[in-house]
Amino acid sequence: MILHAQAKHGKPGLPWLVFLHGFSGDCHEWQEVGEAFADYSRLYVDLPGHGGSAAISVDGFDDVTDLLRKTLVSYNILNFWLVGYSLGGRVAMMA
């Protein structure tokens, strides 16, 4: 399984910006901020149980970071920066 996400493409060769929302949010929270970085490709992720991502049983942040890694691989995103706050910030720190 991978997480629901929305991708916006920027200039090739730059790292991706991967945006992770806070608790009770979804991928739309970061889109206005992300537009300020239009040169960069951006991925707006819905964490499990939020937005378009299924509400699945996870045993902790390790499971969530594993889902995030699988999602990044599915988009062929290998060079990236994580941006998050609240729940998304914790996931970013654990990834």
PDB file of N, CA and C in Angstrom:
ATOM      1  N   MET A   1       0.833  -1.185   0.000  1.00  0.00           N
ATOM      2  CA  MET A   1       0.000   0.000   0.000  1.00  0.00           C
ATOM      3  C   MET A   1       0.874   1.243   0.000  1.00  0.00           C
ATOM      4  N   ILE A   2       0.411   2.264  -0.725  1.00  0.00           N
ATOM      5  CA  ILE A   2       1.078   3.564  -0.679  1.00  0.00           C
ATOM      6  C   ILE A   2       0.058   4.601  -0.219  1.00  0.00           C
ATOM      7  N   LEU A   3       0.562   5.750   0.163  1.00  0.00           N
ATOM      8  CA  LEU A   3      -0.285   6.836   0.641  1.00  0.00           C
ATOM      9  C   LEU A   3      -0.790   7.673  -0.533  1.00  0.00           C
ATOM     10  N   HIS A   4      -1.970   8.232  -0.373  1.00  0.00           N
ATOM     11  CA  HIS A   4      -2.487   9.158  -1.381  1.00  0.00           C
ATOM     12  C   HIS A   4      -1.627  10.417  -1.357  1.00  0.00           C
ATOM     13  N   ALA A   5      -1.323  10.934  -2.525  1.00  0.00           N
ATOM     14  CA  ALA A   5      -0.516  12.147  -2.616  1.00  0.00           C
ATOM     15  C   ALA A   5      -0.834  12.872  -3.916  1.00  0.00           C
ATOM     16  N   GLN A   6      -0.511  14.150  -3.946  1.00  0.00           N
ATOM     17  CA  GLN A   6      -0.641  14.955  -5.152  1.00  0.00           C
ATOM     18  C   GLN A   6       0.730  15.506  -5.500  1.00  0.00           C
ATOM     19  N   ALA A   7       1.137  15.320  -6.746  1.00  0.00           N
ATOM     20  CA  ALA A   7       2.452  15.760  -7.204  1.00  0.00           C
ATOM     21  C   ALA A   7       2.318  16.984  -8.102  1.00  0.00           C
ATOM     22  N   LYS A   8       3.231  17.914  -7.921  1.00  0.00           N
ATOM     23  CA  LYS A   8       3.353  19.087  -8.788  1.00  0.00           C
ATOM     24  C   LYS A   8       4.809  19.137  -9.231  1.00  0.00           C
ATOM     25  N   HIS A   9       5.020  19.194 -10.528  1.00  0.00           N
ATOM     26  CA  HIS A   9       6.385  19.120 -11.046  1.00  0.00           C
ATOM     27  C   HIS A   9       6.986  20.504 -11.254  1.00  0.00           C
ATOM     28  N   GLY A  10       8.268  20.600 -10.893  1.00  0.00           N
ATOM     29  CA  GLY A  10       9.033  21.819 -11.068  1.00  0.00           C
ATOM     30  C   GLY A  10      10.183  21.569 -12.028  1.00  0.00           C
ATOM     31  N   LYS A  11      11.261  22.298 -11.828  1.00  0.00           N
ATOM     32  CA  LYS A  11      12.435  22.165 -12.695  1.00  0.00           C
ATOM     33  C   LYS A  11      13.171  20.868 -12.395  1.00  0.00           C
ATOM     34  N   PRO A  12      13.623  20.170 -13.429  1.00  0.00           N
ATOM     35  CA  PRO A  12      14.375  18.928 -13.200  1.00  0.00           C
ATOM     36  C   PRO A  12      15.705  19.209 -12.498  1.00  0.00           C
ATOM     37  N   GLY A  13      16.172  18.220 -11.743  1.00  0.00           N
ATOM     38  CA  GLY A  13      17.473  18.303 -11.096  1.00  0.00           C
ATOM     39  C   GLY A  13      17.452  18.835  -9.678  1.00  0.00           C
ATOM     40  N   LEU A  14      16.380  19.484  -9.289  1.00  0.00           N
ATOM     41  CA  LEU A  14      16.267  19.984  -7.916  1.00  0.00           C
ATOM     42  C   LEU A  14      15.647  18.904  -7.035  1.00  0.00           C
ATOM     43  N   PRO A  15      15.970  18.915  -5.740  1.00  0.00           N
ATOM     44  CA  PRO A  15      15.321  17.937  -4.856  1.00  0.00           C
ATOM     45  C   PRO A  15      13.817  18.206  -4.765  1.00  0.00           C
ATOM     46  N   TRP A  16      13.077  17.147  -4.515  1.00  0.00           N
ATOM     47  CA  TRP A  16      11.641  17.275  -4.277  1.00  0.00           C
ATOM     48  C   TRP A  16      11.419  17.853  -2.885  1.00  0.00           C
ATOM     49  N   LEU A  17      10.335  18.588  -2.716  1.00  0.00           N
ATOM     50  CA  LEU A  17       9.848  18.993  -1.405  1.00  0.00           C
ATOM     51  C   LEU A  17       8.643  18.113  -1.103  1.00  0.00           C
ATOM     52  N   VAL A  18       8.702  17.386   0.000  1.00  0.00           N
ATOM     53  CA  VAL A  18       7.629  16.470   0.385  1.00  0.00           C
ATOM     54  C   VAL A  18       6.953  17.063   1.612  1.00  0.00           C
ATOM     55  N   PHE A  19       5.700  17.462   1.453  1.00  0.00           N
ATOM     56  CA  PHE A  19       4.956  18.153   2.498  1.00  0.00           C
ATOM     57  C   PHE A  19       4.064  17.181   3.258  1.00  0.00           C
ATOM     58  N   LEU A  20       4.175  17.217   4.596  1.00  0.00           N
ATOM     59  CA  LEU A  20       3.419  16.336   5.486  1.00  0.00           C
ATOM     60  C   LEU A  20       2.568  17.188   6.421  1.00  0.00           C
ATOM     61  N   HIS A  21       1.274  16.986   6.375  1.00  0.00           N
ATOM     62  CA  HIS A  21       0.323  17.795   7.135  1.00  0.00           C
ATOM     63  C   HIS A  21       0.297  17.423   8.618  1.00  0.00           C
ATOM     64  N   GLY A  22      -0.396  18.237   9.393  1.00  0.00           N
ATOM     65  CA  GLY A  22      -0.585  17.984  10.815  1.00  0.00           C
ATOM     66  C   GLY A  22      -1.786  17.092  11.086  1.00  0.00           C
ATOM     67  N   PHE A  23      -1.978  16.750  12.361  1.00  0.00           N
ATOM     68  CA  PHE A  23      -3.090  15.901  12.787  1.00  0.00           C
ATOM     69  C   PHE A  23      -4.420  16.504  12.341  1.00  0.00           C
ATOM     70  N   SER A  24      -5.291  15.682  11.827  1.00  0.00           N
ATOM     71  CA  SER A  24      -6.624  16.046  11.322  1.00  0.00           C
ATOM     72  C   SER A  24      -6.585  16.843  10.028  1.00  0.00           C
ATOM     73  N   GLY A  25      -5.422  16.978   9.409  1.00  0.00           N
ATOM     74  CA  GLY A  25      -5.313  17.722   8.162  1.00  0.00           C
ATOM     75  C   GLY A  25      -5.287  16.808   6.954  1.00  0.00           C
ATOM     76  N   ASP A  26      -4.911  17.389   5.829  1.00  0.00           N
ATOM     77  CA  ASP A  26      -4.735  16.608   4.612  1.00  0.00           C
ATOM     78  C   ASP A  26      -3.739  17.317   3.704  1.00  0.00           C
ATOM     79  N   CYS A  27      -3.544  16.754   2.519  1.00  0.00           N
ATOM     80  CA  CYS A  27      -2.501  17.256   1.622  1.00  0.00           C
ATOM     81  C   CYS A  27      -2.747  18.687   1.146  1.00  0.00           C
ATOM     82  N   HIS A  28      -3.963  19.173   1.255  1.00  0.00           N
ATOM     83  CA  HIS A  28      -4.268  20.522   0.769  1.00  0.00           C
ATOM     84  C   HIS A  28      -3.705  21.619   1.672  1.00  0.00           C
ATOM     85  N   GLU A  29      -3.379  21.295   2.921  1.00  0.00           N
ATOM     86  CA  GLU A  29      -2.901  22.314   3.868  1.00  0.00           C
ATOM     87  C   GLU A  29      -1.670  23.058   3.380  1.00  0.00           C
ATOM     88  N   TRP A  30      -0.776  22.350   2.707  1.00  0.00           N
ATOM     89  CA  TRP A  30       0.507  22.923   2.329  1.00  0.00           C
ATOM     90  C   TRP A  30       0.517  23.530   0.926  1.00  0.00           C
ATOM     91  N   GLN A  31      -0.528  23.362   0.145  1.00  0.00           N
ATOM     92  CA  GLN A  31      -0.441  23.724  -1.270  1.00  0.00           C
ATOM     93  C   GLN A  31      -0.200  25.213  -1.506  1.00  0.00           C
ATOM     94  N   GLU A  32      -0.797  26.068  -0.721  1.00  0.00           N
ATOM     95  CA  GLU A  32      -0.554  27.504  -0.896  1.00  0.00           C
ATOM     96  C   GLU A  32       0.902  27.845  -0.580  1.00  0.00           C
ATOM     97  N   VAL A  33       1.434  27.275   0.482  1.00  0.00           N
ATOM     98  CA  VAL A  33       2.847  27.483   0.830  1.00  0.00           C
ATOM     99  C   VAL A  33       3.741  26.911  -0.264  1.00  0.00           C
ATOM    100  N   GLY A  34       3.407  25.723  -0.727  1.00  0.00           N
ATOM    101  CA  GLY A  34       4.215  25.057  -1.746  1.00  0.00           C
ATOM    102  C   GLY A  34       4.340  25.849  -3.031  1.00  0.00           C
ATOM    103  N   GLU A  35       3.321  26.627  -3.370  1.00  0.00           N
ATOM    104  CA  GLU A  35       3.379  27.412  -4.605  1.00  0.00           C
ATOM    105  C   GLU A  35       4.505  28.442  -4.571  1.00  0.00           C
ATOM    106  N   ALA A  36       4.952  28.829  -3.394  1.00  0.00           N
ATOM    107  CA  ALA A  36       6.089  29.746  -3.283  1.00  0.00           C
ATOM    108  C   ALA A  36       7.391  29.073  -3.714  1.00  0.00           C
ATOM    109  N   PHE A  37       7.361  27.755  -3.846  1.00  0.00           N
ATOM    110  CA  PHE A  37       8.534  26.976  -4.240  1.00  0.00           C
ATOM    111  C   PHE A  37       8.284  26.292  -5.585  1.00  0.00           C
ATOM    112  N   ALA A  38       7.682  27.020  -6.516  1.00  0.00           N
ATOM    113  CA  ALA A  38       7.250  26.439  -7.790  1.00  0.00           C
ATOM    114  C   ALA A  38       8.406  25.889  -8.622  1.00  0.00           C
ATOM    115  N   ASP A  39       9.637  26.338  -8.378  1.00  0.00           N
ATOM    116  CA  ASP A  39      10.778  25.775  -9.106  1.00  0.00           C
ATOM    117  C   ASP A  39      11.022  24.321  -8.722  1.00  0.00           C
ATOM    118  N   TYR A  40      10.612  23.948  -7.522  1.00  0.00           N
ATOM    119  CA  TYR A  40      10.824  22.595  -7.011  1.00  0.00           C
ATOM    120  C   TYR A  40       9.614  21.716  -7.315  1.00  0.00           C
ATOM    121  N   SER A  41       9.875  20.453  -7.580  1.00  0.00           N
ATOM    122  CA  SER A  41       8.777  19.492  -7.620  1.00  0.00           C
ATOM    123  C   SER A  41       8.305  19.279  -6.193  1.00  0.00           C
ATOM    124  N   ARG A  42       6.982  19.175  -6.018  1.00  0.00           N
ATOM    125  CA  ARG A  42       6.408  19.051  -4.684  1.00  0.00           C
ATOM    126  C   ARG A  42       5.485  17.855  -4.620  1.00  0.00           C
ATOM    127  N   LEU A  43       5.529  17.152  -3.495  1.00  0.00           N
ATOM    128  CA  LEU A  43       4.602  16.058  -3.238  1.00  0.00           C
ATOM    129  C   LEU A  43       3.871  16.375  -1.948  1.00  0.00           C
ATOM    130  N   TYR A  44       2.543  16.461  -2.044  1.00  0.00           N
ATOM    131  CA  TYR A  44       1.684  16.730  -0.892  1.00  0.00           C
ATOM    132  C   TYR A  44       1.048  15.406  -0.492  1.00  0.00           C
ATOM    133  N   VAL A  45       1.386  14.914   0.683  1.00  0.00           N
ATOM    134  CA  VAL A  45       1.016  13.561   1.105  1.00  0.00           C
ATOM    135  C   VAL A  45      -0.139  13.603   2.102  1.00  0.00           C
ATOM    136  N   ASP A  46      -1.066  12.662   1.947  1.00  0.00           N
ATOM    137  CA  ASP A  46      -2.089  12.405   2.961  1.00  0.00           C
ATOM    138  C   ASP A  46      -1.595  11.259   3.838  1.00  0.00           C
ATOM    139  N   LEU A  47      -1.386  11.516   5.111  1.00  0.00           N
ATOM    140  CA  LEU A  47      -0.950  10.467   6.037  1.00  0.00           C
ATOM    141  C   LEU A  47      -2.102   9.494   6.291  1.00  0.00           C
ATOM    142  N   PRO A  48      -1.823   8.294   6.807  1.00  0.00           N
ATOM    143  CA  PRO A  48      -2.875   7.283   6.994  1.00  0.00           C
ATOM    144  C   PRO A  48      -4.075   7.827   7.778  1.00  0.00           C
ATOM    145  N   GLY A  49      -5.267   7.549   7.245  1.00  0.00           N
ATOM    146  CA  GLY A  49      -6.489   7.978   7.912  1.00  0.00           C
ATOM    147  C   GLY A  49      -6.848   9.436   7.687  1.00  0.00           C
ATOM    148  N   HIS A  50      -6.147  10.095   6.787  1.00  0.00           N
ATOM    149  CA  HIS A  50      -6.382  11.507   6.498  1.00  0.00           C
ATOM    150  C   HIS A  50      -6.578  11.678   4.992  1.00  0.00           C
ATOM    151  N   GLY A  51      -7.409  12.639   4.614  1.00  0.00           N
ATOM    152  CA  GLY A  51      -7.611  12.932   3.196  1.00  0.00           C
ATOM    153  C   GLY A  51      -7.958  11.686   2.402  1.00  0.00           C
ATOM    154  N   GLY A  52      -7.215  11.439   1.330  1.00  0.00           N
ATOM    155  CA  GLY A  52      -7.480  10.302   0.456  1.00  0.00           C
ATOM    156  C   GLY A  52      -6.790   9.015   0.846  1.00  0.00           C
ATOM    157  N   SER A  53      -6.031   9.005   1.935  1.00  0.00           N
ATOM    158  CA  SER A  53      -5.344   7.782   2.375  1.00  0.00           C
ATOM    159  C   SER A  53      -6.248   6.967   3.289  1.00  0.00           C
ATOM    160  N   ALA A  54      -6.204   5.664   3.109  1.00  0.00           N
ATOM    161  CA  ALA A  54      -7.050   4.756   3.893  1.00  0.00           C
ATOM    162  C   ALA A  54      -6.717   4.830   5.378  1.00  0.00           C
ATOM    163  N   ALA A  55      -7.730   4.607   6.183  1.00  0.00           N
ATOM    164  CA  ALA A  55      -7.551   4.514   7.638  1.00  0.00           C
ATOM    165  C   ALA A  55      -7.147   3.081   7.950  1.00  0.00           C
ATOM    166  N   ILE A  56      -5.852   2.856   8.026  1.00  0.00           N
ATOM    167  CA  ILE A  56      -5.345   1.508   8.269  1.00  0.00           C
ATOM    168  C   ILE A  56      -4.782   1.419   9.679  1.00  0.00           C
ATOM    169  N   SER A  57      -4.639   0.221  10.153  1.00  0.00           N
ATOM    170  CA  SER A  57      -4.057  -0.001  11.475  1.00  0.00           C
ATOM    171  C   SER A  57      -2.538   0.110  11.377  1.00  0.00           C
ATOM    172  N   VAL A  58      -1.961   0.985  12.182  1.00  0.00           N
ATOM    173  CA  VAL A  58      -0.504   1.108  12.251  1.00  0.00           C
ATOM    174  C   VAL A  58      -0.082   0.928  13.703  1.00  0.00           C
ATOM    175  N   ASP A  59       1.097   0.338  13.889  1.00  0.00           N
ATOM    176  CA  ASP A  59       1.591   0.086  15.241  1.00  0.00           C
ATOM    177  C   ASP A  59       2.439   1.223  15.789  1.00  0.00           C
ATOM    178  N   GLY A  60       2.671   2.243  15.004  1.00  0.00           N
ATOM    179  CA  GLY A  60       3.477   3.364  15.464  1.00  0.00           C
ATOM    180  C   GLY A  60       4.072   4.114  14.293  1.00  0.00           C
ATOM    181  N   PHE A  61       4.965   5.037  14.611  1.00  0.00           N
ATOM    182  CA  PHE A  61       5.556   5.877  13.578  1.00  0.00           C
ATOM    183  C   PHE A  61       6.422   5.092  12.612  1.00  0.00           C
ATOM    184  N   ASP A  62       6.997   3.974  13.037  1.00  0.00           N
ATOM    185  CA  ASP A  62       7.787   3.158  12.109  1.00  0.00           C
ATOM    186  C   ASP A  62       6.935   2.685  10.940  1.00  0.00           C
ATOM    187  N   ASP A  63       5.697   2.291  11.209  1.00  0.00           N
ATOM    188  CA  ASP A  63       4.797   1.860  10.137  1.00  0.00           C
ATOM    189  C   ASP A  63       4.471   3.016   9.197  1.00  0.00           C
ATOM    190  N   VAL A  64       4.269   4.193   9.765  1.00  0.00           N
ATOM    191  CA  VAL A  64       3.932   5.360   8.941  1.00  0.00           C
ATOM    192  C   VAL A  64       5.125   5.762   8.080  1.00  0.00           C
ATOM    193  N   THR A  65       6.320   5.766   8.651  1.00  0.00           N
ATOM    194  CA  THR A  65       7.496   6.129   7.854  1.00  0.00           C
ATOM    195  C   THR A  65       7.759   5.087   6.774  1.00  0.00           C
ATOM    196  N   ASP A  66       7.455   3.822   7.042  1.00  0.00           N
ATOM    197  CA  ASP A  66       7.597   2.785   6.016  1.00  0.00           C
ATOM    198  C   ASP A  66       6.636   3.051   4.855  1.00  0.00           C
ATOM    199  N   LEU A  67       5.401   3.420   5.167  1.00  0.00           N
ATOM    200  CA  LEU A  67       4.438   3.770   4.117  1.00  0.00           C
ATOM    201  C   LEU A  67       4.904   4.995   3.333  1.00  0.00           C
ATOM    202  N   LEU A  68       5.478   5.961   4.019  1.00  0.00           N
ATOM    203  CA  LEU A  68       5.996   7.146   3.341  1.00  0.00           C
ATOM    204  C   LEU A  68       7.124   6.759   2.386  1.00  0.00           C
ATOM    205  N   ARG A  69       8.045   5.916   2.838  1.00  0.00           N
ATOM    206  CA  ARG A  69       9.145   5.470   1.968  1.00  0.00           C
ATOM    207  C   ARG A  69       8.604   4.760   0.722  1.00  0.00           C
ATOM    208  N   LYS A  70       7.632   3.870   0.909  1.00  0.00           N
ATOM    209  CA  LYS A  70       7.041   3.159  -0.233  1.00  0.00           C
ATOM    210  C   LYS A  70       6.371   4.134  -1.201  1.00  0.00           C
ATOM    211  N   THR A  71       5.738   5.151  -0.664  1.00  0.00           N
ATOM    212  CA  THR A  71       5.091   6.153  -1.505  1.00  0.00           C
ATOM    213  C   THR A  71       6.130   6.919  -2.310  1.00  0.00           C
ATOM    214  N   LEU A  72       7.219   7.325  -1.664  1.00  0.00           N
ATOM    215  CA  LEU A  72       8.275   8.056  -2.367  1.00  0.00           C
ATOM    216  C   LEU A  72       8.881   7.200  -3.473  1.00  0.00           C
ATOM    217  N   VAL A  73       9.121   5.938  -3.197  1.00  0.00           N
ATOM    218  CA  VAL A  73       9.672   5.030  -4.212  1.00  0.00           C
ATOM    219  C   VAL A  73       8.695   4.894  -5.379  1.00  0.00           C
ATOM    220  N   SER A  74       7.401   4.808  -5.087  1.00  0.00           N
ATOM    221  CA  SER A  74       6.410   4.648  -6.161  1.00  0.00           C
ATOM    222  C   SER A  74       6.395   5.858  -7.098  1.00  0.00           C
ATOM    223  N   TYR A  75       6.756   7.025  -6.587  1.00  0.00           N
ATOM    224  CA  TYR A  75       6.859   8.232  -7.404  1.00  0.00           C
ATOM    225  C   TYR A  75       8.281   8.423  -7.949  1.00  0.00           C
ATOM    226  N   ASN A  76       9.167   7.476  -7.670  1.00  0.00           N
ATOM    227  CA  ASN A  76      10.576   7.550  -8.074  1.00  0.00           C
ATOM    228  C   ASN A  76      11.249   8.807  -7.509  1.00  0.00           C
ATOM    229  N   ILE A  77      10.912   9.137  -6.272  1.00  0.00           N
ATOM    230  CA  ILE A  77      11.498  10.294  -5.594  1.00  0.00           C
ATOM    231  C   ILE A  77      12.624   9.789  -4.701  1.00  0.00           C
ATOM    232  N   LEU A  78      13.858  10.104  -5.096  1.00  0.00           N
ATOM    233  CA  LEU A  78      15.028   9.642  -4.360  1.00  0.00           C
ATOM    234  C   LEU A  78      15.774  10.785  -3.685  1.00  0.00           C
ATOM    235  N   ASN A  79      15.644  11.989  -4.206  1.00  0.00           N
ATOM    236  CA  ASN A  79      16.321  13.169  -3.676  1.00  0.00           C
ATOM    237  C   ASN A  79      15.232  14.135  -3.202  1.00  0.00           C
ATOM    238  N   PHE A  80      15.110  14.320  -1.884  1.00  0.00           N
ATOM    239  CA  PHE A  80      13.983  15.085  -1.365  1.00  0.00           C
ATOM    240  C   PHE A  80      14.299  15.710  -0.019  1.00  0.00           C
ATOM    241  N   TRP A  81      13.500  16.710   0.327  1.00  0.00           N
ATOM    242  CA  TRP A  81      13.481  17.308   1.656  1.00  0.00           C
ATOM    243  C   TRP A  81      12.080  17.111   2.211  1.00  0.00           C
ATOM    244  N   LEU A  82      11.992  16.758   3.476  1.00  0.00           N
ATOM    245  CA  LEU A  82      10.703  16.600   4.140  1.00  0.00           C
ATOM    246  C   LEU A  82      10.341  17.890   4.861  1.00  0.00           C
ATOM    247  N   VAL A  83       9.082  18.302   4.728  1.00  0.00           N
ATOM    248  CA  VAL A  83       8.568  19.501   5.381  1.00  0.00           C
ATOM    249  C   VAL A  83       7.294  19.096   6.115  1.00  0.00           C
ATOM    250  N   GLY A  84       7.250  19.311   7.424  1.00  0.00           N
ATOM    251  CA  GLY A  84       6.056  18.920   8.155  1.00  0.00           C
ATOM    252  C   GLY A  84       5.932  19.663   9.467  1.00  0.00           C
ATOM    253  N   TYR A  85       4.743  19.612  10.028  1.00  0.00           N
ATOM    254  CA  TYR A  85       4.498  20.171  11.360  1.00  0.00           C
ATOM    255  C   TYR A  85       3.544  19.234  12.083  1.00  0.00           C
ATOM    256  N   SER A  86       3.494  19.332  13.393  1.00  0.00           N
ATOM    257  CA  SER A  86       2.607  18.504  14.199  1.00  0.00           C
ATOM    258  C   SER A  86       2.853  17.036  13.847  1.00  0.00           C
ATOM    259  N   LEU A  87       1.826  16.298  13.503  1.00  0.00           N
ATOM    260  CA  LEU A  87       1.979  14.889  13.138  1.00  0.00           C
ATOM    261  C   LEU A  87       2.975  14.721  11.996  1.00  0.00           C
ATOM    262  N   GLY A  88       2.876  15.563  10.985  1.00  0.00           N
ATOM    263  CA  GLY A  88       3.788  15.485   9.847  1.00  0.00           C
ATOM    264  C   GLY A  88       5.229  15.780  10.224  1.00  0.00           C
ATOM    265  N   GLY A  89       5.435  16.682  11.177  1.00  0.00           N
ATOM    266  CA  GLY A  89       6.787  16.965  11.655  1.00  0.00           C
ATOM    267  C   GLY A  89       7.390  15.770  12.360  1.00  0.00           C
ATOM    268  N   ARG A  90       6.579  15.094  13.145  1.00  0.00           N
ATOM    269  CA  ARG A  90       7.060  13.892  13.843  1.00  0.00           C
ATOM    270  C   ARG A  90       7.422  12.797  12.846  1.00  0.00           C
ATOM    271  N   VAL A  91       6.577  12.605  11.844  1.00  0.00           N
ATOM    272  CA  VAL A  91       6.872  11.607  10.811  1.00  0.00           C
ATOM    273  C   VAL A  91       8.173  11.975  10.103  1.00  0.00           C
ATOM    274  N   ALA A  92       8.354  13.257   9.779  1.00  0.00           N
ATOM    275  CA  ALA A  92       9.577  13.704   9.108  1.00  0.00           C
ATOM    276  C   ALA A  92      10.810  13.425   9.960  1.00  0.00           C
ATOM    277  N   MET A  93      10.716  13.661  11.260  1.00  0.00           N
ATOM    278  CA  MET A  93      11.869  13.420  12.142  1.00  0.00           C
ATOM    279  C   MET A  93      12.185  11.935  12.264  1.00  0.00           C
ATOM    280  N   MET A  94      11.175  11.084  12.155  1.00  0.00           N
ATOM    281  CA  MET A  94      11.371   9.645  12.309  1.00  0.00           C
ATOM    282  C   MET A  94      11.816   8.969  11.012  1.00  0.00           C
ATOM    283  N   ALA A  95      11.600   9.646   9.887  1.00  0.00           N
ATOM    284  CA  ALA A  95      11.893   9.034   8.579  1.00  0.00           C
ATOM    285  C   ALA A  95      13.386   8.941   8.322  1.00  0.00           C
TER     286      ALA A  95
END
